[in-house]
Structures are given as structure tokens and as C-alpha cells.
N, C-alpha and C. Protein backbone atom coordinates (compact mmCIF):
# COMPACT_ATOMS: atom_id res chain seq x y z
N MET A 1 0.84 -1.12 0.13
CA MET A 1 0.01 0.06 -0.03
C MET A 1 0.83 1.08 0.05
N GLU A 2 0.62 1.98 -0.89
CA GLU A 2 1.50 3.18 -1.02
C GLU A 2 0.68 4.48 -0.62
N ILE A 3 1.50 5.36 0.15
CA ILE A 3 1.18 6.44 0.85
C ILE A 3 0.65 7.59 0.07
N GLY A 4 -0.52 8.03 -0.18
CA GLY A 4 -0.84 8.95 -1.29
C GLY A 4 -1.42 10.29 -0.64
N LEU A 5 -1.65 11.18 -1.48
CA LEU A 5 -2.14 12.40 -1.08
C LEU A 5 -3.53 12.37 -0.12
N THR A 6 -4.47 11.50 -0.39
CA THR A 6 -5.29 11.50 0.63
C THR A 6 -5.12 11.18 2.12
N HIS A 7 -4.01 10.21 2.29
CA HIS A 7 -3.42 10.00 3.59
C HIS A 7 -3.04 11.09 4.17
N TYR A 8 -2.23 12.15 3.54
CA TYR A 8 -1.69 13.13 4.25
C TYR A 8 -3.29 14.18 4.26
N LEU A 9 -3.99 14.40 3.33
CA LEU A 9 -5.21 15.11 3.97
C LEU A 9 -5.81 14.59 4.80
N VAL A 10 -6.04 13.41 4.89
CA VAL A 10 -6.54 12.98 6.17
C VAL A 10 -5.86 13.26 7.70
N VAL A 11 -4.77 13.14 7.58
CA VAL A 11 -3.98 13.56 8.84
C VAL A 11 -4.09 14.93 8.97
N SER A 12 -3.88 15.76 8.16
CA SER A 12 -3.98 17.38 8.02
C SER A 12 -5.16 17.48 8.66
N ALA A 13 -6.33 17.03 8.13
CA ALA A 13 -7.76 17.12 8.85
C ALA A 13 -8.04 16.91 10.32
N LEU A 14 -7.27 15.79 10.76
CA LEU A 14 -7.44 15.19 12.00
C LEU A 14 -6.99 16.52 13.04
N LEU A 15 -5.38 16.77 12.40
CA LEU A 15 -4.50 17.97 13.13
C LEU A 15 -5.51 19.12 13.47
N PHE A 16 -6.29 19.61 12.12
CA PHE A 16 -7.02 20.54 11.98
C PHE A 16 -8.11 20.79 13.10
N SER A 17 -8.87 19.61 13.13
CA SER A 17 -9.99 19.52 14.20
C SER A 17 -9.50 19.45 15.62
N LEU A 18 -8.42 18.81 15.62
CA LEU A 18 -7.77 18.77 17.02
C LEU A 18 -7.27 20.30 17.54
N GLY A 19 -6.88 20.93 16.66
CA GLY A 19 -6.80 22.23 16.80
C GLY A 19 -7.82 23.14 17.27
N VAL A 20 -8.83 23.07 16.43
CA VAL A 20 -10.16 23.58 16.51
C VAL A 20 -10.69 23.24 17.60
N PHE A 21 -10.79 21.98 18.15
CA PHE A 21 -11.31 21.53 19.47
C PHE A 21 -10.59 22.35 20.64
N GLY A 22 -9.14 22.27 20.57
CA GLY A 22 -8.47 22.62 21.58
C GLY A 22 -8.65 24.43 21.94
N ILE A 23 -8.70 24.75 20.82
CA ILE A 23 -9.22 26.49 20.83
C ILE A 23 -10.55 26.80 21.34
N VAL A 24 -11.63 25.83 21.33
CA VAL A 24 -12.78 26.03 21.61
C VAL A 24 -13.05 25.51 22.97
N THR A 25 -12.70 24.69 23.53
CA THR A 25 -12.83 23.88 24.87
C THR A 25 -11.92 24.51 25.89
N ARG A 26 -10.98 25.03 25.58
CA ARG A 26 -9.97 25.31 26.48
C ARG A 26 -10.13 26.76 27.17
N LYS A 27 -9.90 26.86 28.39
CA LYS A 27 -9.81 28.17 29.14
C LYS A 27 -8.48 28.73 29.21
N ASN A 28 -7.28 27.66 29.32
CA ASN A 28 -5.95 28.36 29.60
C ASN A 28 -5.57 28.59 28.35
N SER A 29 -4.91 29.63 28.06
CA SER A 29 -4.52 30.49 27.07
C SER A 29 -3.08 29.78 26.47
N ILE A 30 -2.31 28.94 27.10
CA ILE A 30 -1.50 28.38 26.68
C ILE A 30 -1.80 27.24 25.88
N LEU A 31 -2.72 26.41 26.33
CA LEU A 31 -3.45 25.31 25.75
C LEU A 31 -4.34 25.86 24.27
N VAL A 32 -4.86 27.03 24.41
CA VAL A 32 -5.41 27.76 23.38
C VAL A 32 -4.03 28.04 22.09
N LEU A 33 -2.91 28.58 22.86
CA LEU A 33 -2.00 28.57 21.77
C LEU A 33 -1.61 27.26 21.06
N MET A 34 -1.68 26.28 22.04
CA MET A 34 -1.34 24.87 21.40
C MET A 34 -1.92 24.28 20.22
N GLY A 35 -3.34 24.83 20.51
CA GLY A 35 -4.27 24.46 19.57
C GLY A 35 -4.27 25.22 18.24
N LEU A 36 -3.87 26.70 18.43
CA LEU A 36 -3.36 27.34 17.31
C LEU A 36 -2.12 26.68 16.28
N GLU A 37 -1.35 26.21 17.29
CA GLU A 37 -0.07 25.77 16.64
C GLU A 37 -0.52 24.26 15.77
N LEU A 38 -1.46 23.65 16.37
CA LEU A 38 -1.68 22.16 15.56
C LEU A 38 -2.36 22.93 14.43
N ILE A 39 -3.15 23.78 14.48
CA ILE A 39 -4.03 24.32 13.12
C ILE A 39 -2.88 24.91 12.26
N LEU A 40 -1.98 25.62 12.48
CA LEU A 40 -0.74 25.91 11.56
C LEU A 40 -0.10 25.00 10.98
N ASN A 41 0.26 23.82 11.71
CA ASN A 41 0.93 22.58 11.48
C ASN A 41 0.16 21.90 10.55
N SER A 42 -1.32 22.08 10.44
CA SER A 42 -2.05 21.09 9.38
C SER A 42 -1.96 21.99 8.27
N ALA A 43 -1.95 23.33 8.44
CA ALA A 43 -1.58 23.93 6.97
C ALA A 43 -0.13 23.59 6.64
N ASN A 44 0.72 23.48 7.15
CA ASN A 44 2.22 23.18 6.80
C ASN A 44 1.87 21.68 6.12
N LEU A 45 1.24 21.15 6.61
CA LEU A 45 1.41 19.39 5.97
C LEU A 45 0.50 19.35 4.84
N ASN A 46 -0.39 20.17 4.53
CA ASN A 46 -0.96 20.34 3.19
C ASN A 46 -0.34 21.24 2.00
N PHE A 47 0.69 22.11 2.77
CA PHE A 47 1.41 22.66 1.74
C PHE A 47 2.63 21.80 1.19
N ILE A 48 3.03 20.98 2.14
CA ILE A 48 3.96 19.99 1.65
C ILE A 48 3.69 18.90 1.01
N ALA A 49 2.34 18.59 1.18
CA ALA A 49 1.78 17.26 0.41
C ALA A 49 1.22 17.71 -0.81
N PHE A 50 0.60 18.99 -1.38
CA PHE A 50 0.41 19.17 -2.41
C PHE A 50 1.63 19.59 -3.26
N SER A 51 2.75 20.19 -2.69
CA SER A 51 3.95 20.14 -3.36
C SER A 51 4.34 19.01 -3.63
N LYS A 52 4.35 17.97 -3.17
CA LYS A 52 5.04 16.80 -3.49
C LYS A 52 4.16 16.00 -4.53
N PHE A 53 2.89 16.02 -4.26
CA PHE A 53 1.98 15.13 -5.34
C PHE A 53 1.02 16.12 -6.50
N LYS A 54 1.36 17.41 -6.53
CA LYS A 54 0.93 17.89 -7.38
C LYS A 54 1.87 18.88 -8.37
N GLY A 55 3.45 18.39 -8.12
CA GLY A 55 4.27 19.09 -8.74
C GLY A 55 4.23 20.72 -8.85
N LEU A 56 4.49 21.32 -7.56
CA LEU A 56 4.72 22.53 -7.45
C LEU A 56 6.00 22.86 -7.01
N ASN A 57 6.90 22.07 -7.09
CA ASN A 57 8.30 22.27 -7.10
C ASN A 57 8.66 22.72 -5.66
N ILE A 58 9.05 24.10 -5.55
CA ILE A 58 9.58 24.62 -4.22
C ILE A 58 8.67 25.30 -3.44
N GLU A 59 7.59 25.87 -4.23
CA GLU A 59 6.56 26.65 -3.74
C GLU A 59 5.78 26.37 -2.46
N GLY A 60 5.67 25.25 -2.30
CA GLY A 60 5.02 24.62 -0.94
C GLY A 60 6.09 24.79 0.09
N HIS A 61 7.45 24.31 0.11
CA HIS A 61 8.41 24.43 0.72
C HIS A 61 8.44 25.96 1.40
N ILE A 62 8.68 26.82 0.65
CA ILE A 62 8.82 28.39 0.67
C ILE A 62 7.47 28.91 1.44
N ALA A 63 6.42 28.47 1.35
CA ALA A 63 4.92 28.78 2.06
C ALA A 63 5.04 28.19 3.46
N THR A 64 5.69 26.69 3.46
CA THR A 64 5.75 26.15 4.83
C THR A 64 6.80 26.90 5.76
N LEU A 65 7.91 27.24 5.07
CA LEU A 65 9.02 28.08 5.86
C LEU A 65 8.37 29.59 6.35
N PHE A 66 7.74 30.18 5.43
CA PHE A 66 6.89 31.34 5.96
C PHE A 66 5.92 31.18 7.06
N VAL A 67 5.10 30.25 7.24
CA VAL A 67 4.42 29.78 8.07
C VAL A 67 4.85 29.58 9.55
N ILE A 68 6.10 28.82 9.18
CA ILE A 68 6.81 28.48 10.61
C ILE A 68 7.29 29.93 11.14
N VAL A 69 8.09 30.74 10.30
CA VAL A 69 8.30 31.81 10.84
C VAL A 69 7.18 32.80 11.50
N LEU A 70 6.22 32.65 10.79
CA LEU A 70 5.06 33.43 11.29
C LEU A 70 4.35 32.81 12.56
N ALA A 71 4.86 31.53 12.86
CA ALA A 71 4.01 30.77 14.06
C ALA A 71 4.96 31.05 15.37
N ALA A 72 6.48 31.26 14.50
CA ALA A 72 7.26 31.49 15.88
C ALA A 72 7.22 33.10 16.22
N ALA A 73 7.13 34.08 15.47
CA ALA A 73 6.67 35.37 15.94
C ALA A 73 5.39 35.34 16.54
N GLU A 74 4.11 34.43 16.19
CA GLU A 74 3.18 34.87 16.96
C GLU A 74 3.13 34.06 18.35
N VAL A 75 3.84 32.92 18.64
CA VAL A 75 4.26 32.30 19.85
C VAL A 75 5.16 33.44 20.62
N ALA A 76 6.21 34.09 19.98
CA ALA A 76 6.87 35.14 20.77
C ALA A 76 5.98 36.17 21.72
N VAL A 77 5.18 36.75 20.58
CA VAL A 77 4.36 37.64 20.99
C VAL A 77 3.16 37.24 22.09
N ALA A 78 2.89 36.33 21.95
CA ALA A 78 1.61 35.98 22.50
C ALA A 78 2.17 35.29 23.81
N LEU A 79 3.36 34.57 23.95
CA LEU A 79 3.62 34.34 25.49
C LEU A 79 4.33 35.58 26.05
N ALA A 80 4.62 36.79 25.48
CA ALA A 80 4.92 37.96 26.33
C ALA A 80 3.62 38.40 26.75
N ILE A 81 2.81 38.35 25.86
CA ILE A 81 1.24 38.93 26.63
C ILE A 81 0.85 38.22 27.54
N ILE A 82 0.91 36.81 27.45
CA ILE A 82 0.41 35.80 28.64
C ILE A 82 1.40 36.02 30.12
N LEU A 83 2.80 36.19 29.75
CA LEU A 83 3.47 36.64 30.96
C LEU A 83 3.11 37.77 31.59
N ASN A 84 2.80 38.86 30.68
CA ASN A 84 2.44 40.14 31.32
C ASN A 84 1.00 39.78 31.93
N ILE A 85 -0.04 39.45 31.48
CA ILE A 85 -1.56 39.12 32.09
C ILE A 85 -1.28 38.39 33.62
N TYR A 86 -0.38 37.22 33.45
CA TYR A 86 -0.19 36.27 34.76
C TYR A 86 0.97 37.36 35.78
N GLN A 87 1.44 38.37 35.22
CA GLN A 87 2.14 39.15 36.52
C GLN A 87 0.96 40.21 37.19
N ASN A 88 0.15 40.52 36.00
CA ASN A 88 -0.95 41.62 36.59
C ASN A 88 -2.10 40.68 37.43
N TYR A 89 -2.61 39.68 37.25
CA TYR A 89 -3.55 39.15 37.64
C TYR A 89 -3.64 37.98 38.04
N HIS A 90 -2.44 37.04 37.92
CA HIS A 90 -1.66 35.89 38.94
C HIS A 90 -2.88 34.56 38.09
N HIS A 91 -3.41 34.59 37.13
CA HIS A 91 -3.99 33.61 36.01
C HIS A 91 -3.84 33.92 34.49
N ILE A 92 -4.15 32.49 33.78
CA ILE A 92 -3.91 32.90 32.65
C ILE A 92 -5.49 32.29 31.82
N ASP A 93 -6.45 32.48 32.77
CA ASP A 93 -7.90 32.03 32.11
C ASP A 93 -8.39 33.07 31.25
N VAL A 94 -8.85 32.59 29.95
CA VAL A 94 -8.95 33.26 28.82
C VAL A 94 -10.52 34.11 29.34
N ASP A 95 -11.27 33.08 29.90
CA ASP A 95 -12.49 33.83 30.34
C ASP A 95 -12.30 35.24 31.17
N GLU A 96 -11.60 35.18 32.10
CA GLU A 96 -11.13 36.30 32.90
C GLU A 96 -10.24 37.37 32.19
N ILE A 97 -9.72 37.40 31.05
CA ILE A 97 -9.04 38.25 30.87
C ILE A 97 -9.71 39.63 30.06
N ASN A 98 -10.88 39.57 30.02
CA ASN A 98 -11.88 40.58 29.31
C ASN A 98 -11.84 41.79 30.47
N LYS A 99 -11.00 41.42 31.69
CA LYS A 99 -11.15 42.73 32.61
C LYS A 99 -9.83 43.76 32.15
N LEU A 100 -9.31 43.17 31.18
CA LEU A 100 -8.30 44.20 30.35
C LEU A 100 -8.75 45.43 29.86
N LYS A 101 -10.00 45.46 29.52
CA LYS A 101 -10.59 46.70 28.96
C LYS A 101 -10.68 47.76 30.22
N GLU A 102 -10.72 47.51 31.34
CA GLU A 102 -10.99 48.36 32.37
C GLU A 102 -9.96 49.23 32.56
């Protein structure tokens, strides 16, 4: 049995579903960030799979590198915000963060 494009797309769909589930159901902002990373990794898997099976040459790899750089920057900024929230409020519960408006 040869692994084809469909197998990659199924794994990517599972990663995306787990990421959305993690974002929707979690209150801890670190776990929400982990769900977002799962979604970005599913997009990376799609880029690489289509690059390999549809003959897009190097464009899929370049897009994947761009998404990895974007995810690293997003994590750096988000963790700085989360650390600032923890210093001020001593928790990282997403439902309680709406107090920042006051």
C-alpha cells in the first residue's frame, strides 16, 4: 500500500480538528496557543503534500517556511502577552482576560 495525497489530507484534517477543538474547549491560554499551533501545522502538512504530489516544486516548501516563521513570531508575542497578564492578574484564564478593558 502506497501512501498518497489522501492520507496526508486525512492526517491534516485530524490535526486541524484537534486544533479547533483545543481552541474552543480550553480556558487556559497556553492550551489555546497549542491548538493554534496544531492548526498551523496542518496547513504546513497541506503545503508540503500538495508540493510533493501536484508538482508545485519549491513553492510549497517556501510557504511552509513562511508559516513556521509566522508561528514562531506569533508564539513569542503571545507568550509575552500571557506573561504580562499573569504578572498583573496571577492567572491565565481566557474567560477572565476581558478585565483588561477596564
